[in-house]
N, C-alpha and C. Protein backbone atom coordinates (compact mmCIF):
# COMPACT_ATOMS: atom_id res chain seq x y z
N MET A 1 96.46 107.75 78.13
CA MET A 1 96.57 106.18 78.31
C MET A 1 98.12 106.10 77.54
N ILE A 2 99.39 105.63 77.99
CA ILE A 2 100.60 105.31 77.65
C ILE A 2 100.68 103.88 77.29
N SER A 3 101.22 104.21 76.21
CA SER A 3 101.42 102.74 75.55
C SER A 3 102.81 102.67 74.91
N PHE A 4 103.36 101.34 74.84
CA PHE A 4 104.97 101.47 74.29
C PHE A 4 105.14 99.77 74.19
N THR A 5 106.46 99.63 73.25
CA THR A 5 106.37 98.62 73.14
C THR A 5 108.33 98.27 73.66
N VAL A 6 108.47 97.05 73.90
CA VAL A 6 109.87 96.78 74.42
C VAL A 6 110.27 95.31 73.67
N ARG A 7 111.32 95.46 72.94
CA ARG A 7 111.87 94.33 72.37
C ARG A 7 113.14 94.15 72.74
N LEU A 8 113.22 92.84 73.23
CA LEU A 8 114.58 92.36 73.84
C LEU A 8 114.97 91.05 73.14
N LYS A 9 116.31 91.17 73.19
CA LYS A 9 116.83 89.95 72.87
C LYS A 9 118.07 89.02 73.77
N PHE A 10 117.70 87.49 73.63
CA PHE A 10 118.16 86.83 74.71
C PHE A 10 119.12 85.75 74.00
N ALA A 11 119.79 84.99 75.15
CA ALA A 11 120.69 83.97 74.06
C ALA A 11 119.60 82.54 74.31
N PRO A 12 120.40 82.19 73.18
CA PRO A 12 119.20 80.77 72.77
C PRO A 12 119.23 79.78 74.13
N GLU A 13 120.24 79.72 74.86
CA GLU A 13 120.19 78.74 76.00
C GLU A 13 118.91 79.24 77.11
N ASP A 14 118.63 80.93 77.45
CA ASP A 14 118.01 81.10 78.18
C ASP A 14 116.39 80.90 77.52
N ARG A 15 115.87 80.57 76.55
CA ARG A 15 114.77 80.67 75.89
C ARG A 15 113.71 80.61 77.16
N ASP A 16 113.73 78.60 77.44
CA ASP A 16 112.48 78.54 78.69
C ASP A 16 112.91 79.12 79.84
N ASP A 17 113.76 79.61 80.40
CA ASP A 17 113.65 80.60 81.58
C ASP A 17 112.95 82.10 80.97
N VAL A 18 113.25 82.54 80.38
CA VAL A 18 112.49 83.46 79.33
C VAL A 18 111.15 83.55 79.44
N ALA A 19 111.12 82.15 78.62
CA ALA A 19 109.29 82.26 78.22
C ALA A 19 109.03 81.95 79.90
N GLU A 20 109.03 81.24 80.67
CA GLU A 20 108.25 81.27 82.19
C GLU A 20 108.25 82.52 82.78
N THR A 21 109.70 83.25 82.81
CA THR A 21 109.64 84.09 83.39
C THR A 21 108.61 85.44 82.74
N LEU A 22 108.43 85.43 81.85
CA LEU A 22 107.12 86.18 81.01
C LEU A 22 106.05 86.31 81.39
N ARG A 23 105.74 84.53 81.65
CA ARG A 23 104.35 84.28 81.72
C ARG A 23 103.93 84.44 83.08
N LEU A 24 104.70 84.38 84.31
CA LEU A 24 104.51 84.88 85.46
C LEU A 24 104.36 86.62 85.46
N LEU A 25 105.15 87.39 84.75
CA LEU A 25 105.54 88.81 84.90
C LEU A 25 103.93 88.98 84.16
N ALA A 26 103.74 88.57 83.20
CA ALA A 26 102.36 88.76 82.20
C ALA A 26 101.43 88.85 83.57
N THR A 27 101.06 87.55 83.92
CA THR A 27 100.14 87.26 84.89
C THR A 27 99.93 88.42 86.25
N ALA A 28 101.00 88.68 86.70
CA ALA A 28 101.38 89.53 87.78
C ALA A 28 100.66 90.93 87.27
N SER A 29 101.50 91.40 86.09
CA SER A 29 101.15 92.81 85.28
C SER A 29 99.64 92.68 85.10
N ARG A 30 99.00 91.78 84.66
CA ARG A 30 97.68 92.05 84.07
C ARG A 30 96.85 92.30 85.27
N GLN A 31 97.13 91.99 86.43
CA GLN A 31 96.53 91.92 87.56
C GLN A 31 96.11 93.77 88.11
N GLU A 32 97.31 94.22 87.66
CA GLU A 32 97.48 95.86 88.65
C GLU A 32 96.03 96.53 87.86
N PRO A 33 95.75 97.37 88.91
CA PRO A 33 94.66 98.27 88.45
C PRO A 33 94.64 99.16 87.61
N GLY A 34 95.61 99.82 87.10
CA GLY A 34 95.98 100.40 85.97
C GLY A 34 96.65 99.83 84.60
N CYS A 35 97.16 98.45 84.77
CA CYS A 35 97.58 97.81 83.43
C CYS A 35 96.06 97.38 82.40
N VAL A 36 96.28 98.07 81.22
CA VAL A 36 95.21 97.80 80.19
C VAL A 36 95.29 96.70 79.72
N SER A 37 97.08 96.43 79.11
CA SER A 37 97.44 95.56 78.50
C SER A 37 98.73 94.98 78.36
N TYR A 38 99.06 93.67 78.35
CA TYR A 38 100.52 93.34 78.97
C TYR A 38 100.39 91.83 77.95
N ILE A 39 101.18 92.33 76.90
CA ILE A 39 100.97 90.93 76.17
C ILE A 39 102.25 90.86 75.32
N PRO A 40 103.14 89.75 76.09
CA PRO A 40 104.31 89.30 75.71
C PRO A 40 104.21 88.54 74.24
N HIS A 41 105.55 88.56 73.38
CA HIS A 41 105.28 87.36 72.13
C HIS A 41 106.96 87.52 71.63
N HIS A 42 106.74 86.31 71.01
CA HIS A 42 108.29 85.98 70.18
C HIS A 42 107.96 86.18 68.96
N VAL A 43 108.83 86.71 68.12
CA VAL A 43 108.99 87.34 66.84
C VAL A 43 109.50 85.76 66.19
N GLU A 44 108.56 85.87 65.17
CA GLU A 44 107.97 84.69 64.47
C GLU A 44 109.49 84.69 63.45
N GLY A 45 109.82 83.37 63.45
CA GLY A 45 111.37 83.67 62.72
C GLY A 45 112.49 84.00 63.67
N ASP A 46 112.29 84.29 64.85
CA ASP A 46 113.37 84.62 65.39
C ASP A 46 112.75 84.54 67.10
N PRO A 47 113.01 83.23 67.55
CA PRO A 47 112.62 82.64 69.11
C PRO A 47 113.45 83.55 70.24
N ASP A 48 114.57 84.01 69.96
CA ASP A 48 115.28 84.66 70.95
C ASP A 48 115.30 86.24 71.17
N THR A 49 113.89 86.71 70.13
CA THR A 49 113.67 88.28 70.23
C THR A 49 112.64 87.70 70.84
N VAL A 50 112.14 89.01 71.75
CA VAL A 50 110.59 89.15 72.36
C VAL A 50 110.09 90.48 72.32
N PHE A 51 109.08 90.37 72.27
CA PHE A 51 108.55 91.43 71.84
C PHE A 51 107.01 92.09 73.00
N ILE A 52 107.09 92.81 73.42
CA ILE A 52 106.06 92.94 74.63
C ILE A 52 105.21 94.48 74.08
N TYR A 53 103.88 94.19 74.51
CA TYR A 53 103.08 95.24 74.02
C TYR A 53 102.66 95.75 75.53
N GLU A 54 102.72 96.92 76.09
CA GLU A 54 102.08 97.60 77.01
C GLU A 54 101.38 98.32 77.06
N GLN A 55 100.15 98.77 77.63
CA GLN A 55 99.37 99.83 77.86
C GLN A 55 98.83 100.21 79.12
N TYR A 56 99.21 101.36 79.46
CA TYR A 56 98.40 101.89 81.20
C TYR A 56 97.83 103.16 81.32
N ARG A 57 97.25 102.97 82.01
CA ARG A 57 95.84 103.84 82.17
C ARG A 57 96.53 104.91 82.04
N ASP A 58 97.73 105.67 82.92
CA ASP A 58 98.43 106.99 82.93
C ASP A 58 99.54 106.50 83.33
N ALA A 59 100.31 108.10 83.97
CA ALA A 59 101.36 107.52 84.33
C ALA A 59 101.89 107.27 85.63
N ASN A 60 100.79 107.05 86.49
CA ASN A 60 100.75 106.88 87.84
C ASN A 60 100.89 105.30 87.99
N ALA A 61 99.84 104.67 87.17
CA ALA A 61 99.78 103.35 87.14
C ALA A 61 101.17 102.73 86.53
N LEU A 62 101.63 103.36 85.60
CA LEU A 62 103.32 103.00 85.16
C LEU A 62 104.13 103.05 86.23
N THR A 63 103.90 104.01 86.60
CA THR A 63 104.96 104.20 87.82
C THR A 63 104.33 102.72 89.21
N ALA A 64 103.57 102.57 89.28
CA ALA A 64 103.32 101.72 89.94
C ALA A 64 104.01 99.97 89.57
N HIS A 65 103.49 100.18 88.38
CA HIS A 65 104.24 98.76 87.69
C HIS A 65 105.63 98.54 88.10
N ARG A 66 106.20 99.66 87.89
CA ARG A 66 107.78 99.70 87.74
C ARG A 66 108.20 99.49 88.89
N GLU A 67 107.16 99.97 90.16
CA GLU A 67 107.56 99.94 91.67
C GLU A 67 107.24 98.46 92.42
N SER A 68 106.41 97.81 91.23
CA SER A 68 105.72 96.70 91.98
C SER A 68 107.04 95.27 92.19
N GLU A 69 106.14 94.46 93.25
CA GLU A 69 107.16 93.38 93.47
C GLU A 69 107.87 92.61 92.30
N HIS A 70 106.62 92.22 91.46
CA HIS A 70 106.80 91.16 90.42
C HIS A 70 107.68 92.03 89.87
N PHE A 71 107.79 93.48 89.14
CA PHE A 71 108.40 93.96 88.33
C PHE A 71 110.16 93.71 88.58
N LYS A 72 110.21 94.01 90.18
CA LYS A 72 111.50 94.19 90.58
C LYS A 72 111.85 92.47 90.34
N ARG A 73 111.26 91.76 90.60
CA ARG A 73 111.30 90.14 90.93
C ARG A 73 111.57 89.75 89.61
N TYR A 74 110.91 89.99 88.33
CA TYR A 74 110.95 89.02 86.99
C TYR A 74 111.60 89.96 85.90
N SER A 75 111.49 91.26 86.16
CA SER A 75 112.15 92.21 84.90
C SER A 75 113.08 92.61 85.21
N VAL A 76 113.40 93.17 86.40
CA VAL A 76 114.90 93.38 86.99
C VAL A 76 115.51 92.38 87.42
N GLY A 77 115.04 91.25 87.84
CA GLY A 77 115.76 90.62 88.86
C GLY A 77 116.32 89.19 87.80
N VAL A 78 115.63 89.15 86.67
CA VAL A 78 115.69 87.74 86.02
C VAL A 78 115.77 88.74 84.06
N LEU A 79 115.12 89.40 83.64
CA LEU A 79 115.32 89.49 82.28
C LEU A 79 116.27 90.39 82.00
N SER A 80 116.35 91.35 82.94
CA SER A 80 117.35 92.67 82.56
C SER A 80 118.96 91.89 82.65
N GLN A 81 118.59 90.85 83.69
CA GLN A 81 120.12 89.97 84.00
C GLN A 81 120.20 89.20 82.29
N LYS A 82 119.30 88.90 81.86
CA LYS A 82 120.15 87.74 81.07
C LYS A 82 119.69 88.31 79.26
N MET A 83 119.23 89.90 79.20
CA MET A 83 118.90 90.27 77.89
C MET A 83 120.21 90.85 77.73
N ARG A 84 120.10 90.76 75.93
CA ARG A 84 121.55 91.06 75.48
C ARG A 84 121.39 92.50 74.45
N GLU A 85 119.95 92.86 74.09
CA GLU A 85 119.71 93.62 73.55
C GLU A 85 118.45 94.49 74.42
N ARG A 86 118.03 95.77 74.33
CA ARG A 86 116.75 95.97 74.84
C ARG A 86 116.54 97.54 73.99
N ASN A 87 115.28 97.81 73.30
CA ASN A 87 115.11 98.59 72.56
C ASN A 87 113.51 98.83 72.96
N VAL A 88 112.99 100.19 73.37
CA VAL A 88 111.86 100.64 73.89
C VAL A 88 111.50 101.71 72.96
N GLU A 89 110.09 101.41 72.20
CA GLU A 89 109.27 102.59 71.59
C GLU A 89 108.06 103.19 72.35
N THR A 90 107.98 104.17 73.03
CA THR A 90 106.52 105.00 73.40
C THR A 90 105.42 105.37 72.02
N LEU A 91 104.45 104.86 71.78
CA LEU A 91 103.61 104.92 71.04
C LEU A 91 102.87 106.00 71.18
N VAL A 92 102.34 106.70 70.23
CA VAL A 92 101.09 107.79 70.44
C VAL A 92 100.20 107.53 69.42
N ALA A 93 98.75 107.57 70.65
CA ALA A 93 97.93 107.06 69.65
C ALA A 93 97.26 108.18 68.68
N LEU A 94 97.00 107.55 66.98
CA LEU A 94 96.39 108.34 66.33
C LEU A 94 94.85 108.97 66.28
N VAL A 95 94.29 108.25 67.09
CA VAL A 95 92.73 108.30 67.35
C VAL A 95 92.23 107.83 68.63
């Protein structure tokens, strides 16, 4: 299992567009056979920071996600263009 988080910072004027893009991306990503979990959040008290928790069955599933049309359209085509900061943390399960 591959788990990681992505923290993204956006401008206040992009808030609505980012929320809609994340809704579309999450809906499509959750339909992927190798996607275990894809949950975008706003950080409480900081609505311009998004925190995404993602889990994939294995490396092939993550590769398929990153090569999918919806990832290219929403993540690369919209979110990457609007983000001001990005931080990714890979998680290792303790149990």
